Amino acid sequence: MVIEKYILAVVTTNPKKVPVASAVFNCDSKEEMEHIAANLEAILDGIAHGLSDELYVIVKH
């Protein structure tokens, strides 16, 4: 099974902006959010996209 074109995780400092997702990581600061997003990008073999100052999504293309 190959997962493609799928949101693998959401990383945020503002949980109110996140719809229901399979994996949501709530962070206390922008720096922590960027660090978690970079690590998840490598771990999940995905790509981190910053949608706003408070929200990243990790996707598989």
C-alpha atoms as a PDB file:
ATOM      1  CA  MET A   1       0.000   0.000   0.000  1.00  0.00           C
ATOM      2  CA  VAL A   2       1.338   3.416  -0.976  1.00  0.00           C
ATOM      3  CA  ILE A   3       0.013   6.591   0.614  1.00  0.00           C
ATOM      4  CA  GLU A   4       0.030   9.519  -1.815  1.00  0.00           C
ATOM      5  CA  LYS A   5      -1.631  12.922  -1.865  1.00  0.00           C
ATOM      6  CA  TYR A   6      -2.611  12.728   1.779  1.00  0.00           C
ATOM      7  CA  ILE A   7      -2.237  14.989   4.819  1.00  0.00           C
ATOM      8  CA  LEU A   8      -0.077  13.015   7.227  1.00  0.00           C
ATOM      9  CA  ALA A   9      -0.019  15.465  10.155  1.00  0.00           C
ATOM     10  CA  VAL A  10      -0.941  18.982  11.235  1.00  0.00           C
ATOM     11  CA  VAL A  11       1.361  21.086  13.427  1.00  0.00           C
ATOM     12  CA  THR A  12      -0.033  24.240  15.031  1.00  0.00           C
ATOM     13  CA  THR A  13       0.235  26.810  17.792  1.00  0.00           C
ATOM     14  CA  ASN A  14      -3.505  27.494  17.532  1.00  0.00           C
ATOM     15  CA  PRO A  15      -5.679  24.349  17.830  1.00  0.00           C
ATOM     16  CA  LYS A  16      -8.815  26.373  17.032  1.00  0.00           C
ATOM     17  CA  LYS A  17      -7.651  26.659  13.400  1.00  0.00           C
ATOM     18  CA  VAL A  18      -7.314  22.914  12.882  1.00  0.00           C
ATOM     19  CA  PRO A  19     -10.151  20.775  11.603  1.00  0.00           C
ATOM     20  CA  VAL A  20     -10.357  17.171  12.720  1.00  0.00           C
ATOM     21  CA  ALA A  21      -7.244  15.405  11.465  1.00  0.00           C
ATOM     22  CA  SER A  22      -5.579  12.083  12.014  1.00  0.00           C
ATOM     23  CA  ALA A  23      -2.515  13.513  13.779  1.00  0.00           C
ATOM     24  CA  VAL A  24      -2.436  16.994  15.302  1.00  0.00           C
ATOM     25  CA  PHE A  25       0.602  18.316  17.159  1.00  0.00           C
ATOM     26  CA  ASN A  26      -0.106  21.349  19.362  1.00  0.00           C
ATOM     27  CA  CYS A  27       2.957  23.503  20.066  1.00  0.00           C
ATOM     28  CA  ASP A  28       3.606  26.334  22.526  1.00  0.00           C
ATOM     29  CA  SER A  29       5.687  28.533  20.200  1.00  0.00           C
ATOM     30  CA  LYS A  30       6.459  29.168  16.549  1.00  0.00           C
ATOM     31  CA  GLU A  31       9.982  27.829  17.063  1.00  0.00           C
ATOM     32  CA  GLU A  32       8.688  24.575  18.531  1.00  0.00           C
ATOM     33  CA  MET A  33       6.168  24.273  15.684  1.00  0.00           C
ATOM     34  CA  GLU A  34       8.895  24.692  13.055  1.00  0.00           C
ATOM     35  CA  HIS A  35      11.130  22.150  14.826  1.00  0.00           C
ATOM     36  CA  ILE A  36       8.335  19.553  15.074  1.00  0.00           C
ATOM     37  CA  ALA A  37       7.305  20.143  11.438  1.00  0.00           C
ATOM     38  CA  ALA A  38      10.896  19.651  10.229  1.00  0.00           C
ATOM     39  CA  ASN A  39      11.266  16.430  12.209  1.00  0.00           C
ATOM     40  CA  LEU A  40       7.924  15.038  11.046  1.00  0.00           C
ATOM     41  CA  GLU A  41       8.829  15.920   7.467  1.00  0.00           C
ATOM     42  CA  ALA A  42      11.889  13.656   7.714  1.00  0.00           C
ATOM     43  CA  ILE A  43      10.249  10.905   9.775  1.00  0.00           C
ATOM     44  CA  LEU A  44       7.155  10.617   7.589  1.00  0.00           C
ATOM     45  CA  ASP A  45       9.017  11.174   4.297  1.00  0.00           C
ATOM     46  CA  GLY A  46       6.644  14.014   3.520  1.00  0.00           C
ATOM     47  CA  ILE A  47       6.856  17.734   2.821  1.00  0.00           C
ATOM     48  CA  ALA A  48       6.027  20.464   5.355  1.00  0.00           C
ATOM     49  CA  HIS A  49       3.963  23.350   4.029  1.00  0.00           C
ATOM     50  CA  GLY A  50       3.426  26.492   6.109  1.00  0.00           C
ATOM     51  CA  LEU A  51      -0.148  27.624   5.598  1.00  0.00           C
ATOM     52  CA  SER A  52       0.082  30.494   8.083  1.00  0.00           C
ATOM     53  CA  ASP A  53       2.213  31.683  10.992  1.00  0.00           C
ATOM     54  CA  GLU A  54       0.288  29.225  13.180  1.00  0.00           C
ATOM     55  CA  LEU A  55      -0.162  26.189  10.955  1.00  0.00           C
ATOM     56  CA  TYR A  56       1.916  23.626   9.046  1.00  0.00           C
ATOM     57  CA  VAL A  57       0.680  20.539   7.264  1.00  0.00           C
ATOM     58  CA  ILE A  58       2.850  17.558   6.437  1.00  0.00           C
ATOM     59  CA  VAL A  59       1.736  16.037   3.139  1.00  0.00           C
ATOM     60  CA  LYS A  60       2.726  13.207   0.870  1.00  0.00           C
ATOM     61  CA  HIS A  61       2.774  14.157  -2.825  1.00  0.00           C
END
